[in-house]
Amino acid sequence: MTQSALLLNSFLLRVVSTALLTVLASLHPIALQLIGTLGAISLTAYICCWLLDDWLMERLKVSQGDYFARLLITGIAALLGIGAGLWIIL
């Protein structure tokens, strides 16, 4: 029960923060560049986590199910947050 509540809170935090960053990026050109750079770095790290999954699971000592659940939650939350932010802007 605690683990599922933790995953849900993490998911909601990521969706809200991504939507807020999307809205902030629309307000100022420098904020757009900064948030775009942070997004590119995050995307690179996310792709590396998918490519190096066996090595990372061994080093972090997490189960395969937990690792992939976190990766899927992160990806889905980012997509929903960007979509919500764009919906608010447009």
PDB file of N, CA and C in Angstrom:
ATOM      1  N   MET A   1       0.818  -1.195   0.000  1.00  0.00           N
ATOM      2  CA  MET A   1       0.000   0.000   0.000  1.00  0.00           C
ATOM      3  C   MET A   1       0.864   1.263   0.000  1.00  0.00           C
ATOM      4  N   THR A   2       1.900   1.251   0.806  1.00  0.00           N
ATOM      5  CA  THR A   2       2.770   2.416   0.895  1.00  0.00           C
ATOM      6  C   THR A   2       3.513   2.634  -0.413  1.00  0.00           C
ATOM      7  N   GLN A   3       3.950   1.547  -1.018  1.00  0.00           N
ATOM      8  CA  GLN A   3       4.691   1.650  -2.283  1.00  0.00           C
ATOM      9  C   GLN A   3       3.799   2.220  -3.387  1.00  0.00           C
ATOM     10  N   SER A   4       2.548   1.798  -3.444  1.00  0.00           N
ATOM     11  CA  SER A   4       1.660   2.325  -4.483  1.00  0.00           C
ATOM     12  C   SER A   4       1.338   3.804  -4.240  1.00  0.00           C
ATOM     13  N   ALA A   5       1.200   4.205  -2.990  1.00  0.00           N
ATOM     14  CA  ALA A   5       0.963   5.616  -2.694  1.00  0.00           C
ATOM     15  C   ALA A   5       2.184   6.447  -3.063  1.00  0.00           C
ATOM     16  N   LEU A   6       3.357   5.911  -2.824  1.00  0.00           N
ATOM     17  CA  LEU A   6       4.589   6.613  -3.181  1.00  0.00           C
ATOM     18  C   LEU A   6       4.701   6.773  -4.695  1.00  0.00           C
ATOM     19  N   LEU A   7       4.367   5.736  -5.444  1.00  0.00           N
ATOM     20  CA  LEU A   7       4.401   5.819  -6.907  1.00  0.00           C
ATOM     21  C   LEU A   7       3.370   6.815  -7.431  1.00  0.00           C
ATOM     22  N   LEU A   8       2.190   6.822  -6.848  1.00  0.00           N
ATOM     23  CA  LEU A   8       1.153   7.763  -7.274  1.00  0.00           C
ATOM     24  C   LEU A   8       1.571   9.203  -6.987  1.00  0.00           C
ATOM     25  N   ASN A   9       2.123   9.449  -5.807  1.00  0.00           N
ATOM     26  CA  ASN A   9       2.586  10.802  -5.478  1.00  0.00           C
ATOM     27  C   ASN A   9       3.707  11.239  -6.402  1.00  0.00           C
ATOM     28  N   SER A  10       4.613  10.338  -6.707  1.00  0.00           N
ATOM     29  CA  SER A  10       5.710  10.648  -7.617  1.00  0.00           C
ATOM     30  C   SER A  10       5.179  10.973  -9.009  1.00  0.00           C
ATOM     31  N   PHE A  11       4.201  10.204  -9.463  1.00  0.00           N
ATOM     32  CA  PHE A  11       3.600  10.426 -10.773  1.00  0.00           C
ATOM     33  C   PHE A  11       2.926  11.798 -10.844  1.00  0.00           C
ATOM     34  N   LEU A  12       2.119  12.111  -9.840  1.00  0.00           N
ATOM     35  CA  LEU A  12       1.408  13.395  -9.832  1.00  0.00           C
ATOM     36  C   LEU A  12       2.371  14.571  -9.725  1.00  0.00           C
ATOM     37  N   LEU A  13       3.429  14.425  -8.944  1.00  0.00           N
ATOM     38  CA  LEU A  13       4.420  15.487  -8.830  1.00  0.00           C
ATOM     39  C   LEU A  13       5.097  15.746 -10.165  1.00  0.00           C
ATOM     40  N   ARG A  14       5.416  14.693 -10.893  1.00  0.00           N
ATOM     41  CA  ARG A  14       6.070  14.861 -12.193  1.00  0.00           C
ATOM     42  C   ARG A  14       5.131  15.490 -13.214  1.00  0.00           C
ATOM     43  N   VAL A  15       3.876  15.110 -13.216  1.00  0.00           N
ATOM     44  CA  VAL A  15       2.921  15.693 -14.168  1.00  0.00           C
ATOM     45  C   VAL A  15       2.743  17.184 -13.899  1.00  0.00           C
ATOM     46  N   VAL A  16       2.551  17.549 -12.651  1.00  0.00           N
ATOM     47  CA  VAL A  16       2.319  18.955 -12.306  1.00  0.00           C
ATOM     48  C   VAL A  16       3.571  19.789 -12.571  1.00  0.00           C
ATOM     49  N   SER A  17       4.737  19.265 -12.207  1.00  0.00           N
ATOM     50  CA  SER A  17       5.958  20.047 -12.424  1.00  0.00           C
ATOM     51  C   SER A  17       6.269  20.217 -13.907  1.00  0.00           C
ATOM     52  N   THR A  18       6.025  19.201 -14.704  1.00  0.00           N
ATOM     53  CA  THR A  18       6.260  19.321 -16.140  1.00  0.00           C
ATOM     54  C   THR A  18       5.286  20.320 -16.770  1.00  0.00           C
ATOM     55  N   ALA A  19       4.043  20.292 -16.347  1.00  0.00           N
ATOM     56  CA  ALA A  19       3.070  21.260 -16.867  1.00  0.00           C
ATOM     57  C   ALA A  19       3.454  22.680 -16.465  1.00  0.00           C
ATOM     58  N   LEU A  20       3.901  22.860 -15.231  1.00  0.00           N
ATOM     59  CA  LEU A  20       4.322  24.185 -14.778  1.00  0.00           C
ATOM     60  C   LEU A  20       5.537  24.676 -15.571  1.00  0.00           C
ATOM     61  N   LEU A  21       6.499  23.806 -15.814  1.00  0.00           N
ATOM     62  CA  LEU A  21       7.669  24.198 -16.601  1.00  0.00           C
ATOM     63  C   LEU A  21       7.281  24.553 -18.031  1.00  0.00           C
ATOM     64  N   THR A  22       6.318  23.851 -18.596  1.00  0.00           N
ATOM     65  CA  THR A  22       5.855  24.168 -19.943  1.00  0.00           C
ATOM     66  C   THR A  22       5.211  25.542 -19.992  1.00  0.00           C
ATOM     67  N   VAL A  23       4.413  25.865 -18.984  1.00  0.00           N
ATOM     68  CA  VAL A  23       3.785  27.182 -18.932  1.00  0.00           C
ATOM     69  C   VAL A  23       4.842  28.271 -18.726  1.00  0.00           C
ATOM     70  N   LEU A  24       5.802  28.037 -17.851  1.00  0.00           N
ATOM     71  CA  LEU A  24       6.866  29.014 -17.631  1.00  0.00           C
ATOM     72  C   LEU A  24       7.710  29.231 -18.881  1.00  0.00           C
ATOM     73  N   ALA A  25       7.906  28.171 -19.658  1.00  0.00           N
ATOM     74  CA  ALA A  25       8.689  28.301 -20.892  1.00  0.00           C
ATOM     75  C   ALA A  25       7.988  29.189 -21.905  1.00  0.00           C
ATOM     76  N   SER A  26       6.671  29.262 -21.837  1.00  0.00           N
ATOM     77  CA  SER A  26       5.950  30.099 -22.798  1.00  0.00           C
ATOM     78  C   SER A  26       5.997  31.579 -22.440  1.00  0.00           C
ATOM     79  N   LEU A  27       6.432  31.906 -21.235  1.00  0.00           N
ATOM     80  CA  LEU A  27       6.383  33.287 -20.778  1.00  0.00           C
ATOM     81  C   LEU A  27       7.593  34.118 -21.183  1.00  0.00           C
ATOM     82  N   HIS A  28       8.745  33.488 -21.319  1.00  0.00           N
ATOM     83  CA  HIS A  28       9.954  34.259 -21.588  1.00  0.00           C
ATOM     84  C   HIS A  28      10.903  33.445 -22.466  1.00  0.00           C
ATOM     85  N   PRO A  29      11.544  34.077 -23.464  1.00  0.00           N
ATOM     86  CA  PRO A  29      12.432  33.330 -24.371  1.00  0.00           C
ATOM     87  C   PRO A  29      13.633  32.675 -23.672  1.00  0.00           C
ATOM     88  N   ILE A  30      14.183  33.340 -22.662  1.00  0.00           N
ATOM     89  CA  ILE A  30      15.322  32.743 -21.959  1.00  0.00           C
ATOM     90  C   ILE A  30      14.866  31.531 -21.147  1.00  0.00           C
ATOM     91  N   ALA A  31      13.674  31.622 -20.556  1.00  0.00           N
ATOM     92  CA  ALA A  31      13.124  30.473 -19.834  1.00  0.00           C
ATOM     93  C   ALA A  31      12.880  29.312 -20.793  1.00  0.00           C
ATOM     94  N   LEU A  32      12.462  29.621 -22.008  1.00  0.00           N
ATOM     95  CA  LEU A  32      12.251  28.577 -23.012  1.00  0.00           C
ATOM     96  C   LEU A  32      13.559  27.867 -23.339  1.00  0.00           C
ATOM     97  N   GLN A  33      14.640  28.618 -23.495  1.00  0.00           N
ATOM     98  CA  GLN A  33      15.942  28.008 -23.777  1.00  0.00           C
ATOM     99  C   GLN A  33      16.420  27.169 -22.598  1.00  0.00           C
ATOM    100  N   LEU A  34      16.273  27.695 -21.384  1.00  0.00           N
ATOM    101  CA  LEU A  34      16.714  26.975 -20.197  1.00  0.00           C
ATOM    102  C   LEU A  34      15.931  25.684 -20.009  1.00  0.00           C
ATOM    103  N   ILE A  35      14.628  25.760 -20.116  1.00  0.00           N
ATOM    104  CA  ILE A  35      13.791  24.579 -19.924  1.00  0.00           C
ATOM    105  C   ILE A  35      13.982  23.591 -21.076  1.00  0.00           C
ATOM    106  N   GLY A  36      14.224  24.096 -22.290  1.00  0.00           N
ATOM    107  CA  GLY A  36      14.528  23.210 -23.406  1.00  0.00           C
ATOM    108  C   GLY A  36      15.834  22.456 -23.198  1.00  0.00           C
ATOM    109  N   THR A  37      16.829  23.151 -22.656  1.00  0.00           N
ATOM    110  CA  THR A  37      18.105  22.495 -22.360  1.00  0.00           C
ATOM    111  C   THR A  37      17.938  21.449 -21.260  1.00  0.00           C
ATOM    112  N   LEU A  38      17.208  21.798 -20.209  1.00  0.00           N
ATOM    113  CA  LEU A  38      16.952  20.827 -19.143  1.00  0.00           C
ATOM    114  C   LEU A  38      16.159  19.626 -19.662  1.00  0.00           C
ATOM    115  N   GLY A  39      15.229  19.881 -20.560  1.00  0.00           N
ATOM    116  CA  GLY A  39      14.465  18.781 -21.158  1.00  0.00           C
ATOM    117  C   GLY A  39      15.343  17.874 -22.001  1.00  0.00           C
ATOM    118  N   ALA A  40      16.280  18.457 -22.745  1.00  0.00           N
ATOM    119  CA  ALA A  40      17.192  17.650 -23.564  1.00  0.00           C
ATOM    120  C   ALA A  40      18.106  16.796 -22.686  1.00  0.00           C
ATOM    121  N   ILE A  41      18.589  17.383 -21.595  1.00  0.00           N
ATOM    122  CA  ILE A  41      19.434  16.614 -20.670  1.00  0.00           C
ATOM    123  C   ILE A  41      18.624  15.493 -20.021  1.00  0.00           C
ATOM    124  N   SER A  42      17.394  15.789 -19.620  1.00  0.00           N
ATOM    125  CA  SER A  42      16.533  14.771 -19.013  1.00  0.00           C
ATOM    126  C   SER A  42      16.203  13.657 -19.994  1.00  0.00           C
ATOM    127  N   LEU A  43      15.938  14.026 -21.241  1.00  0.00           N
ATOM    128  CA  LEU A  43      15.644  13.013 -22.256  1.00  0.00           C
ATOM    129  C   LEU A  43      16.856  12.123 -22.508  1.00  0.00           C
ATOM    130  N   THR A  44      18.038  12.708 -22.537  1.00  0.00           N
ATOM    131  CA  THR A  44      19.256  11.925 -22.720  1.00  0.00           C
ATOM    132  C   THR A  44      19.458  10.953 -21.559  1.00  0.00           C
ATOM    133  N   ALA A  45      19.255  11.433 -20.335  1.00  0.00           N
ATOM    134  CA  ALA A  45      19.389  10.562 -19.168  1.00  0.00           C
ATOM    135  C   ALA A  45      18.336   9.456 -19.183  1.00  0.00           C
ATOM    136  N   TYR A  46      17.114   9.780 -19.627  1.00  0.00           N
ATOM    137  CA  TYR A  46      16.037   8.794 -19.687  1.00  0.00           C
ATOM    138  C   TYR A  46      16.360   7.692 -20.702  1.00  0.00           C
ATOM    139  N   ILE A  47      16.876   8.094 -21.855  1.00  0.00           N
ATOM    140  CA  ILE A  47      17.248   7.112 -22.879  1.00  0.00           C
ATOM    141  C   ILE A  47      18.404   6.242 -22.391  1.00  0.00           C
ATOM    142  N   CYS A  48      19.370   6.854 -21.702  1.00  0.00           N
ATOM    143  CA  CYS A  48      20.482   6.074 -21.149  1.00  0.00           C
ATOM    144  C   CYS A  48      19.989   5.068 -20.112  1.00  0.00           C
ATOM    145  N   CYS A  49      18.990   5.450 -19.322  1.00  0.00           N
ATOM    146  CA  CYS A  49      18.430   4.511 -18.342  1.00  0.00           C
ATOM    147  C   CYS A  49      17.774   3.317 -19.025  1.00  0.00           C
ATOM    148  N   TRP A  50      17.140   3.536 -20.179  1.00  0.00           N
ATOM    149  CA  TRP A  50      16.562   2.422 -20.918  1.00  0.00           C
ATOM    150  C   TRP A  50      17.640   1.547 -21.540  1.00  0.00           C
ATOM    151  N   LEU A  51      18.705   2.165 -22.049  1.00  0.00           N
ATOM    152  CA  LEU A  51      19.753   1.397 -22.718  1.00  0.00           C
ATOM    153  C   LEU A  51      20.643   0.643 -21.731  1.00  0.00           C
ATOM    154  N   LEU A  52      20.872   1.197 -20.564  1.00  0.00           N
ATOM    155  CA  LEU A  52      21.760   0.590 -19.571  1.00  0.00           C
ATOM    156  C   LEU A  52      20.987  -0.072 -18.442  1.00  0.00           C
ATOM    157  N   ASP A  53      19.812  -0.607 -18.749  1.00  0.00           N
ATOM    158  CA  ASP A  53      18.934  -1.106 -17.703  1.00  0.00           C
ATOM    159  C   ASP A  53      19.549  -2.238 -16.889  1.00  0.00           C
ATOM    160  N   ASP A  54      20.169  -3.214 -17.518  1.00  0.00           N
ATOM    161  CA  ASP A  54      20.736  -4.338 -16.771  1.00  0.00           C
ATOM    162  C   ASP A  54      21.851  -3.878 -15.836  1.00  0.00           C
ATOM    163  N   TRP A  55      22.712  -3.010 -16.330  1.00  0.00           N
ATOM    164  CA  TRP A  55      23.825  -2.520 -15.524  1.00  0.00           C
ATOM    165  C   TRP A  55      23.322  -1.695 -14.350  1.00  0.00           C
ATOM    166  N   LEU A  56      22.330  -0.818 -14.595  1.00  0.00           N
ATOM    167  CA  LEU A  56      21.796   0.023 -13.528  1.00  0.00           C
ATOM    168  C   LEU A  56      21.024  -0.772 -12.482  1.00  0.00           C
ATOM    169  N   MET A  57      20.248  -1.769 -12.916  1.00  0.00           N
ATOM    170  CA  MET A  57      19.503  -2.586 -11.954  1.00  0.00           C
ATOM    171  C   MET A  57      20.457  -3.325 -11.032  1.00  0.00           C
ATOM    172  N   GLU A  58      21.568  -3.793 -11.586  1.00  0.00           N
ATOM    173  CA  GLU A  58      22.561  -4.500 -10.785  1.00  0.00           C
ATOM    174  C   GLU A  58      23.223  -3.556  -9.787  1.00  0.00           C
ATOM    175  N   ARG A  59      23.571  -2.353 -10.231  1.00  0.00           N
ATOM    176  CA  ARG A  59      24.247  -1.385  -9.359  1.00  0.00           C
ATOM    177  C   ARG A  59      23.314  -0.821  -8.287  1.00  0.00           C
ATOM    178  N   LEU A  60      22.064  -0.534  -8.652  1.00  0.00           N
ATOM    179  CA  LEU A  60      21.113   0.060  -7.709  1.00  0.00           C
ATOM    180  C   LEU A  60      20.431  -0.976  -6.827  1.00  0.00           C
ATOM    181  N   LYS A  61      20.586  -2.251  -7.177  1.00  0.00           N
ATOM    182  CA  LYS A  61      19.988  -3.359  -6.425  1.00  0.00           C
ATOM    183  C   LYS A  61      18.463  -3.216  -6.296  1.00  0.00           C
ATOM    184  N   VAL A  62      17.814  -2.982  -7.426  1.00  0.00           N
ATOM    185  CA  VAL A  62      16.357  -2.921  -7.465  1.00  0.00           C
ATOM    186  C   VAL A  62      15.851  -4.062  -8.343  1.00  0.00           C
ATOM    187  N   SER A  63      14.603  -4.443  -8.112  1.00  0.00           N
ATOM    188  CA  SER A  63      14.033  -5.506  -8.924  1.00  0.00           C
ATOM    189  C   SER A  63      13.685  -4.974 -10.313  1.00  0.00           C
ATOM    190  N   GLN A  64      13.547  -5.887 -11.229  1.00  0.00           N
ATOM    191  CA  GLN A  64      13.256  -5.512 -12.604  1.00  0.00           C
ATOM    192  C   GLN A  64      11.900  -4.817 -12.706  1.00  0.00           C
ATOM    193  N   GLY A  65      10.916  -5.319 -11.990  1.00  0.00           N
ATOM    194  CA  GLY A  65       9.586  -4.721 -12.025  1.00  0.00           C
ATOM    195  C   GLY A  65       9.569  -3.296 -11.501  1.00  0.00           C
ATOM    196  N   ASP A  66      10.261  -3.066 -10.379  1.00  0.00           N
ATOM    197  CA  ASP A  66      10.321  -1.708  -9.822  1.00  0.00           C
ATOM    198  C   ASP A  66      11.038  -0.750 -10.758  1.00  0.00           C
ATOM    199  N   TYR A  67      12.124  -1.205 -11.347  1.00  0.00           N
ATOM    200  CA  TYR A  67      12.907  -0.346 -12.236  1.00  0.00           C
ATOM    201  C   TYR A  67      12.095   0.090 -13.448  1.00  0.00           C
ATOM    202  N   PHE A  68      11.452  -0.874 -14.105  1.00  0.00           N
ATOM    203  CA  PHE A  68      10.682  -0.536 -15.298  1.00  0.00           C
ATOM    204  C   PHE A  68       9.408   0.222 -14.959  1.00  0.00           C
ATOM    205  N   ALA A  69       8.836  -0.022 -13.774  1.00  0.00           N
ATOM    206  CA  ALA A  69       7.671   0.763 -13.349  1.00  0.00           C
ATOM    207  C   ALA A  69       8.050   2.229 -13.195  1.00  0.00           C
ATOM    208  N   ARG A  70       9.198   2.493 -12.585  1.00  0.00           N
ATOM    209  CA  ARG A  70       9.660   3.880 -12.431  1.00  0.00           C
ATOM    210  C   ARG A  70       9.926   4.527 -13.787  1.00  0.00           C
ATOM    211  N   LEU A  71      10.541   3.780 -14.697  1.00  0.00           N
ATOM    212  CA  LEU A  71      10.819   4.342 -16.017  1.00  0.00           C
ATOM    213  C   LEU A  71       9.526   4.655 -16.767  1.00  0.00           C
ATOM    214  N   LEU A  72       8.566   3.748 -16.716  1.00  0.00           N
ATOM    215  CA  LEU A  72       7.298   3.993 -17.403  1.00  0.00           C
ATOM    216  C   LEU A  72       6.536   5.148 -16.778  1.00  0.00           C
ATOM    217  N   ILE A  73       6.520   5.218 -15.455  1.00  0.00           N
ATOM    218  CA  ILE A  73       5.833   6.317 -14.782  1.00  0.00           C
ATOM    219  C   ILE A  73       6.472   7.651 -15.158  1.00  0.00           C
ATOM    220  N   THR A  74       7.794   7.690 -15.210  1.00  0.00           N
ATOM    221  CA  THR A  74       8.488   8.921 -15.561  1.00  0.00           C
ATOM    222  C   THR A  74       8.148   9.364 -16.981  1.00  0.00           C
ATOM    223  N   GLY A  75       8.176   8.434 -17.936  1.00  0.00           N
ATOM    224  CA  GLY A  75       7.881   8.772 -19.325  1.00  0.00           C
ATOM    225  C   GLY A  75       6.443   9.221 -19.535  1.00  0.00           C
ATOM    226  N   ILE A  76       5.504   8.503 -18.937  1.00  0.00           N
ATOM    227  CA  ILE A  76       4.094   8.845 -19.094  1.00  0.00           C
ATOM    228  C   ILE A  76       3.790  10.180 -18.408  1.00  0.00           C
ATOM    229  N   ALA A  77       4.384  10.407 -17.241  1.00  0.00           N
ATOM    230  CA  ALA A  77       4.158  11.668 -16.537  1.00  0.00           C
ATOM    231  C   ALA A  77       4.702  12.848 -17.331  1.00  0.00           C
ATOM    232  N   ALA A  78       5.853  12.672 -17.948  1.00  0.00           N
ATOM    233  CA  ALA A  78       6.423  13.761 -18.753  1.00  0.00           C
ATOM    234  C   ALA A  78       5.527  14.066 -19.953  1.00  0.00           C
ATOM    235  N   LEU A  79       5.041  13.047 -20.621  1.00  0.00           N
ATOM    236  CA  LEU A  79       4.164  13.273 -21.770  1.00  0.00           C
ATOM    237  C   LEU A  79       2.852  13.940 -21.356  1.00  0.00           C
ATOM    238  N   LEU A  80       2.260  13.480 -20.263  1.00  0.00           N
ATOM    239  CA  LEU A  80       1.016  14.094 -19.795  1.00  0.00           C
ATOM    240  C   LEU A  80       1.242  15.528 -19.338  1.00  0.00           C
ATOM    241  N   GLY A  81       2.367  15.786 -18.685  1.00  0.00           N
ATOM    242  CA  GLY A  81       2.665  17.141 -18.239  1.00  0.00           C
ATOM    243  C   GLY A  81       2.874  18.101 -19.382  1.00  0.00           C
ATOM    244  N   ILE A  82       3.594  17.657 -20.402  1.00  0.00           N
ATOM    245  CA  ILE A  82       3.799  18.505 -21.585  1.00  0.00           C
ATOM    246  C   ILE A  82       2.464  18.751 -22.284  1.00  0.00           C
ATOM    247  N   GLY A  83       1.659  17.715 -22.399  1.00  0.00           N
ATOM    248  CA  GLY A  83       0.340  17.884 -23.022  1.00  0.00           C
ATOM    249  C   GLY A  83      -0.551  18.820 -22.236  1.00  0.00           C
ATOM    250  N   ALA A  84      -0.541  18.703 -20.908  1.00  0.00           N
ATOM    251  CA  ALA A  84      -1.351  19.606 -20.092  1.00  0.00           C
ATOM    252  C   ALA A  84      -0.858  21.030 -20.180  1.00  0.00           C
ATOM    253  N   GLY A  85       0.467  21.203 -20.200  1.00  0.00           N
ATOM    254  CA  GLY A  85       1.015  22.547 -20.324  1.00  0.00           C
ATOM    255  C   GLY A  85       0.677  23.179 -21.652  1.00  0.00           C
ATOM    256  N   LEU A  86       0.762  22.419 -22.723  1.00  0.00           N
ATOM    257  CA  LEU A  86       0.401  22.934 -24.037  1.00  0.00           C
ATOM    258  C   LEU A  86      -1.089  23.233 -24.120  1.00  0.00           C
ATOM    259  N   TRP A  87      -1.902  22.419 -23.475  1.00  0.00           N
ATOM    260  CA  TRP A  87      -3.343  22.669 -23.459  1.00  0.00           C
ATOM    261  C   TRP A  87      -3.654  23.976 -22.742  1.00  0.00           C
ATOM    262  N   ILE A  88      -2.935  24.243 -21.650  1.00  0.00           N
ATOM    263  CA  ILE A  88      -3.148  25.490 -20.903  1.00  0.00           C
ATOM    264  C   ILE A  88      -2.706  26.682 -21.740  1.00  0.00           C
ATOM    265  N   ILE A  89      -1.581  26.555 -22.427  1.00  0.00           N
ATOM    266  CA  ILE A  89      -1.033  27.665 -23.219  1.00  0.00           C
ATOM    267  C   ILE A  89      -1.910  27.970 -24.421  1.00  0.00           C
ATOM    268  N   LEU A  90      -2.272  26.926 -25.156  1.00  0.00           N
ATOM    269  CA  LEU A  90      -3.020  27.134 -26.386  1.00  0.00           C
ATOM    270  C   LEU A  90      -4.490  27.185 -26.077  1.00  0.00           C
TER     271      LEU A  90
END
